[in-house]
């Protein structure tokens, strides 16, 4: 399945995502709270599956991670929309910001991570199959 997505303004960045996954993972870490004013819904994909088709995203190398390894966060330089992140701690993996997808109608929540640091009113009790206090387990 090929999906399309891009930034909010639509002027700068667009991409295709060639990945059939519909599994959404909510992250409640402090970084996502700062960047997104709350939690962040992501799809776990691969770096090869996402192709930028328009523009060049800006990036920020975040070194303040639990793993001690950096994560590169990509965003639109005009509207600042978060697009995807590449964690060095999980080589080859790309977390695509679900909100940057053009169609999210088939996504399903399968896990929440960093629930121990989440804003209590935003952690969804029993809404997902799995809850993790820190970074997710490898089986997801």
N, C-alpha and C. Protein backbone atom coordinates (compact mmCIF):
# COMPACT_ATOMS: atom_id res chain seq x y z
N UNK A 1 0.84 -1.17 0.00
CA UNK A 1 0.00 0.00 0.00
C UNK A 1 0.89 1.24 0.00
N UNK A 2 0.60 2.16 -0.88
CA UNK A 2 1.34 3.42 -0.91
C UNK A 2 0.45 4.53 -0.37
N UNK A 3 0.97 5.22 0.61
CA UNK A 3 0.28 6.36 1.22
C UNK A 3 0.99 7.63 0.77
N UNK A 4 0.30 8.75 0.92
CA UNK A 4 0.91 10.05 0.66
C UNK A 4 0.80 10.90 1.91
N UNK A 5 1.69 11.86 2.01
CA UNK A 5 1.66 12.76 3.15
C UNK A 5 2.52 13.97 2.89
N UNK A 6 2.59 14.82 3.89
CA UNK A 6 3.40 16.02 3.76
C UNK A 6 3.12 16.99 4.89
N UNK A 7 3.62 18.18 4.70
CA UNK A 7 3.49 19.20 5.74
C UNK A 7 2.12 19.87 5.69
N UNK A 8 1.83 20.65 6.72
CA UNK A 8 0.54 21.33 6.84
C UNK A 8 0.34 22.37 5.75
N UNK A 9 1.37 23.18 5.48
CA UNK A 9 1.21 24.26 4.51
C UNK A 9 1.11 23.74 3.08
N UNK A 10 1.65 22.55 2.83
CA UNK A 10 1.57 21.96 1.51
C UNK A 10 2.48 22.58 0.47
N UNK A 11 3.20 23.62 0.86
CA UNK A 11 4.06 24.33 -0.08
C UNK A 11 5.46 23.76 -0.16
N UNK A 12 5.89 23.07 0.88
CA UNK A 12 7.30 22.71 0.97
C UNK A 12 7.62 21.23 0.84
N UNK A 13 6.94 20.38 1.61
CA UNK A 13 7.36 18.97 1.68
C UNK A 13 6.18 18.03 1.43
N UNK A 14 6.42 17.05 0.57
CA UNK A 14 5.46 15.96 0.34
C UNK A 14 6.26 14.66 0.27
N UNK A 15 5.58 13.54 0.55
CA UNK A 15 6.26 12.25 0.51
C UNK A 15 5.28 11.14 0.14
N UNK A 16 5.84 10.00 -0.23
CA UNK A 16 5.07 8.76 -0.36
C UNK A 16 5.63 7.77 0.65
N UNK A 17 4.76 6.94 1.18
CA UNK A 17 5.15 5.91 2.14
C UNK A 17 4.65 4.57 1.60
N UNK A 18 5.58 3.73 1.20
CA UNK A 18 5.24 2.42 0.64
C UNK A 18 5.34 1.37 1.75
N UNK A 19 4.27 1.28 2.55
CA UNK A 19 4.26 0.42 3.72
C UNK A 19 2.81 0.08 4.06
N UNK A 20 2.47 -1.19 4.22
CA UNK A 20 1.09 -1.56 4.50
C UNK A 20 0.67 -1.39 5.96
N UNK A 21 1.59 -1.03 6.85
CA UNK A 21 1.24 -0.99 8.27
C UNK A 21 0.11 0.00 8.56
N UNK A 22 -0.75 -0.39 9.47
CA UNK A 22 -1.81 0.48 9.96
C UNK A 22 -1.70 0.63 11.48
N UNK A 23 -0.60 0.12 12.05
CA UNK A 23 -0.42 0.09 13.50
C UNK A 23 0.11 1.41 14.03
N UNK A 24 -0.73 2.10 14.79
CA UNK A 24 -0.34 3.36 15.39
C UNK A 24 0.22 3.17 16.79
N UNK A 25 1.26 3.92 17.09
CA UNK A 25 1.91 3.89 18.40
C UNK A 25 1.90 5.31 18.95
N UNK A 26 1.28 5.49 20.11
CA UNK A 26 1.28 6.81 20.74
C UNK A 26 2.49 6.92 21.65
N UNK A 27 3.24 8.01 21.49
CA UNK A 27 4.39 8.28 22.35
C UNK A 27 4.05 9.42 23.30
N UNK A 28 4.27 9.19 24.58
CA UNK A 28 3.99 10.17 25.62
C UNK A 28 5.27 10.75 26.23
N UNK A 29 6.41 10.61 25.56
CA UNK A 29 7.67 11.09 26.15
C UNK A 29 7.65 12.61 26.28
N UNK A 30 8.55 13.11 27.11
CA UNK A 30 8.63 14.55 27.34
C UNK A 30 8.96 15.32 26.06
N UNK A 31 9.78 14.73 25.19
CA UNK A 31 10.11 15.40 23.93
C UNK A 31 8.87 15.58 23.07
N UNK A 32 8.07 14.53 22.92
CA UNK A 32 6.85 14.65 22.13
C UNK A 32 5.88 15.66 22.75
N UNK A 33 5.85 15.71 24.07
CA UNK A 33 5.00 16.70 24.72
C UNK A 33 5.43 18.11 24.36
N UNK A 34 6.73 18.34 24.33
CA UNK A 34 7.25 19.67 23.98
C UNK A 34 7.04 19.98 22.50
N UNK A 35 7.34 19.01 21.63
CA UNK A 35 7.24 19.25 20.19
C UNK A 35 5.80 19.33 19.69
N UNK A 36 4.90 18.57 20.31
CA UNK A 36 3.54 18.45 19.77
C UNK A 36 2.46 18.90 20.76
N UNK A 37 2.86 19.52 21.86
CA UNK A 37 1.91 19.99 22.88
C UNK A 37 1.06 18.84 23.42
N UNK A 38 1.63 17.67 23.48
CA UNK A 38 0.95 16.47 23.97
C UNK A 38 1.61 15.25 23.39
N UNK A 39 0.87 14.18 23.28
CA UNK A 39 1.44 12.95 22.74
C UNK A 39 1.56 13.03 21.22
N UNK A 40 2.24 12.03 20.65
CA UNK A 40 2.44 11.96 19.21
C UNK A 40 2.05 10.57 18.72
N UNK A 41 1.21 10.51 17.68
CA UNK A 41 0.82 9.24 17.08
C UNK A 41 1.74 8.97 15.89
N UNK A 42 2.37 7.80 15.90
CA UNK A 42 3.37 7.45 14.89
C UNK A 42 3.10 6.09 14.27
N UNK A 43 3.60 5.91 13.06
CA UNK A 43 3.65 4.60 12.42
C UNK A 43 5.11 4.17 12.39
N UNK A 44 5.39 2.95 12.81
CA UNK A 44 6.75 2.42 12.74
C UNK A 44 6.94 1.84 11.34
N UNK A 45 7.89 2.40 10.61
CA UNK A 45 8.15 1.97 9.25
C UNK A 45 9.65 1.78 9.07
N UNK A 46 10.09 1.80 7.83
CA UNK A 46 11.53 1.72 7.54
C UNK A 46 11.95 2.98 6.80
N UNK A 47 13.24 3.28 6.89
CA UNK A 47 13.74 4.46 6.21
C UNK A 47 13.59 4.35 4.70
N UNK A 48 13.71 3.16 4.17
CA UNK A 48 13.58 2.96 2.72
C UNK A 48 12.15 3.13 2.22
N UNK A 49 11.16 2.97 3.09
CA UNK A 49 9.76 3.00 2.66
C UNK A 49 9.25 4.42 2.37
N UNK A 50 9.88 5.43 2.95
CA UNK A 50 9.43 6.81 2.76
C UNK A 50 10.32 7.52 1.75
N UNK A 51 9.70 8.09 0.73
CA UNK A 51 10.42 8.84 -0.29
C UNK A 51 9.87 10.26 -0.34
N UNK A 52 10.74 11.24 -0.15
CA UNK A 52 10.34 12.64 -0.27
C UNK A 52 10.15 12.94 -1.75
N UNK A 53 8.96 13.44 -2.11
CA UNK A 53 8.64 13.71 -3.51
C UNK A 53 8.61 15.20 -3.84
N UNK A 54 8.64 16.03 -2.80
CA UNK A 54 8.62 17.47 -3.00
C UNK A 54 9.39 18.13 -1.87
N UNK A 55 10.31 19.01 -2.22
CA UNK A 55 11.03 19.79 -1.23
C UNK A 55 12.09 18.99 -0.49
N UNK A 56 12.65 19.65 0.51
CA UNK A 56 13.67 19.04 1.36
C UNK A 56 13.33 19.38 2.80
N UNK A 57 12.99 18.38 3.61
CA UNK A 57 12.68 18.67 5.01
C UNK A 57 13.91 19.20 5.74
N UNK A 58 13.67 20.03 6.72
CA UNK A 58 14.74 20.44 7.63
C UNK A 58 14.86 19.35 8.69
N UNK A 59 15.97 19.36 9.40
CA UNK A 59 16.16 18.33 10.42
C UNK A 59 16.83 18.90 11.66
N UNK A 60 16.63 18.19 12.74
CA UNK A 60 17.21 18.53 14.03
C UNK A 60 17.70 17.22 14.65
N UNK A 61 18.94 17.20 15.08
CA UNK A 61 19.49 16.01 15.74
C UNK A 61 19.28 16.16 17.24
N UNK A 62 18.40 15.34 17.78
CA UNK A 62 18.05 15.36 19.20
C UNK A 62 18.97 14.38 19.93
N UNK A 63 19.78 14.90 20.82
CA UNK A 63 20.73 14.06 21.56
C UNK A 63 20.26 13.77 22.98
N UNK A 64 19.13 14.32 23.38
CA UNK A 64 18.62 14.12 24.73
C UNK A 64 17.65 12.95 24.81
N UNK A 65 18.11 11.77 24.43
CA UNK A 65 17.24 10.59 24.38
C UNK A 65 17.55 9.62 25.52
N UNK A 66 16.59 8.78 25.84
CA UNK A 66 16.79 7.76 26.87
C UNK A 66 17.86 6.75 26.48
N UNK A 67 17.95 6.46 25.20
CA UNK A 67 18.92 5.45 24.74
C UNK A 67 20.35 5.99 24.75
N UNK A 68 20.48 7.32 24.79
CA UNK A 68 21.81 7.93 24.69
C UNK A 68 22.27 8.08 23.25
N UNK A 69 21.48 7.57 22.32
CA UNK A 69 21.80 7.69 20.90
C UNK A 69 20.88 8.75 20.28
N UNK A 70 21.39 9.51 19.33
CA UNK A 70 20.57 10.58 18.75
C UNK A 70 19.41 10.07 17.92
N UNK A 71 18.42 10.93 17.78
CA UNK A 71 17.30 10.70 16.87
C UNK A 71 17.20 11.95 16.00
N UNK A 72 17.15 11.76 14.70
CA UNK A 72 17.04 12.89 13.79
C UNK A 72 15.57 13.11 13.49
N UNK A 73 15.10 14.33 13.77
CA UNK A 73 13.69 14.69 13.60
C UNK A 73 13.56 15.59 12.37
N UNK A 74 12.67 15.22 11.47
CA UNK A 74 12.49 15.95 10.22
C UNK A 74 11.18 16.72 10.25
N UNK A 75 11.20 17.94 9.71
CA UNK A 75 10.05 18.83 9.76
C UNK A 75 10.07 19.80 8.58
N UNK A 76 8.96 20.46 8.34
CA UNK A 76 8.87 21.47 7.30
C UNK A 76 9.52 22.76 7.80
N UNK A 77 10.39 23.34 7.00
CA UNK A 77 11.06 24.58 7.37
C UNK A 77 10.16 25.80 7.32
N UNK A 78 9.00 25.70 6.67
CA UNK A 78 8.08 26.82 6.58
C UNK A 78 7.02 26.78 7.68
N UNK A 79 6.29 25.68 7.78
CA UNK A 79 5.19 25.61 8.76
C UNK A 79 5.55 24.83 10.02
N UNK A 80 6.73 24.22 10.05
CA UNK A 80 7.26 23.49 11.21
C UNK A 80 6.52 22.19 11.52
N UNK A 81 5.73 21.68 10.58
CA UNK A 81 5.05 20.40 10.79
C UNK A 81 6.05 19.28 10.96
N UNK A 82 5.87 18.47 12.01
CA UNK A 82 6.69 17.28 12.18
C UNK A 82 6.30 16.24 11.13
N UNK A 83 7.30 15.58 10.53
CA UNK A 83 7.05 14.63 9.45
C UNK A 83 7.45 13.21 9.83
N UNK A 84 8.68 13.02 10.27
CA UNK A 84 9.17 11.69 10.63
C UNK A 84 10.45 11.83 11.44
N UNK A 85 10.85 10.72 12.07
CA UNK A 85 12.05 10.69 12.90
C UNK A 85 12.81 9.39 12.65
N UNK A 86 14.13 9.50 12.65
CA UNK A 86 15.01 8.34 12.46
C UNK A 86 15.86 8.14 13.71
N UNK A 87 15.55 7.12 14.52
CA UNK A 87 16.32 6.88 15.74
C UNK A 87 17.57 6.04 15.49
N UNK A 88 18.72 6.54 15.89
CA UNK A 88 19.96 5.76 15.77
C UNK A 88 19.91 4.49 16.62
N UNK A 89 19.09 4.50 17.68
CA UNK A 89 19.00 3.35 18.57
C UNK A 89 18.33 2.15 17.89
N UNK A 90 17.58 2.40 16.82
CA UNK A 90 16.90 1.32 16.09
C UNK A 90 17.24 1.51 14.60
N UNK A 91 18.40 1.04 14.17
CA UNK A 91 18.85 1.28 12.80
C UNK A 91 17.83 0.84 11.74
N UNK A 92 17.64 1.70 10.74
CA UNK A 92 16.75 1.40 9.63
C UNK A 92 15.29 1.73 9.87
N UNK A 93 14.93 2.03 11.14
CA UNK A 93 13.54 2.33 11.48
C UNK A 93 13.26 3.81 11.26
N UNK A 94 12.06 4.10 10.82
CA UNK A 94 11.59 5.48 10.69
C UNK A 94 10.21 5.56 11.33
N UNK A 95 10.03 6.52 12.22
CA UNK A 95 8.72 6.77 12.83
C UNK A 95 8.07 7.91 12.07
N UNK A 96 6.98 7.61 11.37
CA UNK A 96 6.27 8.60 10.57
C UNK A 96 5.17 9.20 11.43
N UNK A 97 5.13 10.53 11.50
CA UNK A 97 4.09 11.22 12.26
C UNK A 97 2.76 11.01 11.55
N UNK A 98 1.84 10.34 12.20
CA UNK A 98 0.57 9.98 11.57
C UNK A 98 -0.19 11.22 11.09
N UNK A 99 -0.07 12.31 11.81
CA UNK A 99 -0.77 13.53 11.41
C UNK A 99 -0.28 14.12 10.10
N UNK A 100 0.89 13.69 9.64
CA UNK A 100 1.40 14.19 8.37
C UNK A 100 0.89 13.38 7.18
N UNK A 101 0.19 12.27 7.44
CA UNK A 101 -0.39 11.46 6.37
C UNK A 101 -1.66 12.13 5.84
N UNK A 102 -1.91 11.97 4.55
CA UNK A 102 -3.11 12.54 3.95
C UNK A 102 -4.37 11.79 4.36
N UNK A 103 -4.27 10.49 4.61
CA UNK A 103 -5.42 9.68 5.00
C UNK A 103 -5.04 8.79 6.18
N UNK A 104 -5.73 8.97 7.28
CA UNK A 104 -5.45 8.18 8.49
C UNK A 104 -6.65 7.30 8.87
N UNK A 105 -7.60 7.16 7.97
CA UNK A 105 -8.86 6.50 8.31
C UNK A 105 -8.71 5.03 8.69
N UNK A 106 -7.64 4.37 8.26
CA UNK A 106 -7.50 2.94 8.57
C UNK A 106 -6.50 2.65 9.69
N UNK A 107 -5.98 3.68 10.34
CA UNK A 107 -5.00 3.45 11.40
C UNK A 107 -5.68 2.89 12.64
N UNK A 108 -4.95 2.04 13.35
CA UNK A 108 -5.45 1.48 14.60
C UNK A 108 -4.37 1.61 15.67
N UNK A 109 -4.77 1.92 16.86
CA UNK A 109 -3.84 2.07 17.97
C UNK A 109 -3.47 0.69 18.50
N UNK A 110 -2.15 0.40 18.53
CA UNK A 110 -1.71 -0.90 19.04
C UNK A 110 -0.86 -0.80 20.30
N UNK A 111 -0.30 0.38 20.56
CA UNK A 111 0.55 0.50 21.75
C UNK A 111 0.72 1.96 22.13
N UNK A 112 1.05 2.16 23.41
CA UNK A 112 1.43 3.47 23.92
C UNK A 112 2.75 3.31 24.65
N UNK A 113 3.67 4.24 24.40
CA UNK A 113 4.98 4.19 25.05
C UNK A 113 5.18 5.44 25.89
N UNK A 114 6.07 5.31 26.86
CA UNK A 114 6.37 6.37 27.83
C UNK A 114 5.11 6.82 28.57
N UNK A 115 4.25 5.87 28.90
CA UNK A 115 3.03 6.22 29.62
C UNK A 115 3.34 6.74 31.02
N UNK A 116 4.49 6.39 31.56
CA UNK A 116 4.86 6.86 32.90
C UNK A 116 5.16 8.36 32.91
N UNK A 117 5.49 8.96 31.77
CA UNK A 117 5.77 10.39 31.73
C UNK A 117 4.66 11.16 31.03
N UNK A 118 3.63 10.46 30.59
CA UNK A 118 2.55 11.12 29.85
C UNK A 118 1.69 12.00 30.74
N UNK A 119 1.05 12.96 30.12
CA UNK A 119 0.07 13.79 30.80
C UNK A 119 -1.10 12.86 31.14
N UNK A 120 -1.39 12.71 32.41
CA UNK A 120 -2.31 11.66 32.86
C UNK A 120 -3.65 11.68 32.13
N UNK A 121 -4.18 12.85 31.81
CA UNK A 121 -5.47 12.91 31.12
C UNK A 121 -5.37 12.51 29.66
N UNK A 122 -4.14 12.34 29.14
CA UNK A 122 -3.97 11.96 27.73
C UNK A 122 -3.60 10.50 27.54
N UNK A 123 -3.20 9.81 28.61
CA UNK A 123 -2.92 8.37 28.50
C UNK A 123 -4.28 7.67 28.44
N UNK A 124 -4.45 6.82 27.46
CA UNK A 124 -5.74 6.19 27.22
C UNK A 124 -5.81 4.84 27.92
N UNK A 125 -6.50 4.75 29.05
CA UNK A 125 -6.55 3.48 29.77
C UNK A 125 -7.18 2.38 28.93
N UNK A 126 -6.42 1.33 28.73
CA UNK A 126 -6.86 0.14 28.01
C UNK A 126 -7.31 0.42 26.57
N UNK A 127 -6.96 1.58 26.04
CA UNK A 127 -7.34 1.87 24.65
C UNK A 127 -6.48 1.09 23.68
N UNK A 128 -5.27 0.80 24.08
CA UNK A 128 -4.39 0.04 23.20
C UNK A 128 -4.09 -1.30 23.85
N UNK A 129 -3.54 -2.19 23.07
CA UNK A 129 -3.23 -3.52 23.56
C UNK A 129 -2.05 -3.54 24.52
N UNK A 130 -1.10 -2.60 24.33
CA UNK A 130 0.13 -2.65 25.11
C UNK A 130 0.50 -1.27 25.63
N UNK A 131 0.93 -1.23 26.87
CA UNK A 131 1.44 -0.01 27.49
C UNK A 131 2.87 -0.26 27.94
N UNK A 132 3.77 0.69 27.69
CA UNK A 132 5.16 0.58 28.11
C UNK A 132 5.55 1.84 28.86
N UNK A 133 6.26 1.69 29.97
CA UNK A 133 6.70 2.85 30.73
C UNK A 133 7.79 3.62 30.02
N UNK A 134 8.61 2.95 29.25
CA UNK A 134 9.68 3.62 28.51
C UNK A 134 9.56 3.35 27.04
N UNK A 135 10.70 3.25 26.40
CA UNK A 135 10.73 2.96 24.97
C UNK A 135 10.11 1.59 24.72
N UNK A 136 9.56 1.39 23.54
CA UNK A 136 8.83 0.16 23.27
C UNK A 136 9.73 -1.06 23.18
N UNK A 137 9.12 -2.19 23.38
CA UNK A 137 9.84 -3.45 23.24
C UNK A 137 10.07 -3.75 21.76
N UNK A 138 10.98 -4.63 21.48
CA UNK A 138 11.34 -4.93 20.09
C UNK A 138 10.23 -5.63 19.31
N UNK A 139 9.26 -6.22 20.01
CA UNK A 139 8.23 -6.96 19.28
C UNK A 139 7.24 -6.05 18.57
N UNK A 140 7.28 -4.78 18.83
CA UNK A 140 6.35 -3.85 18.15
C UNK A 140 7.00 -3.32 16.91
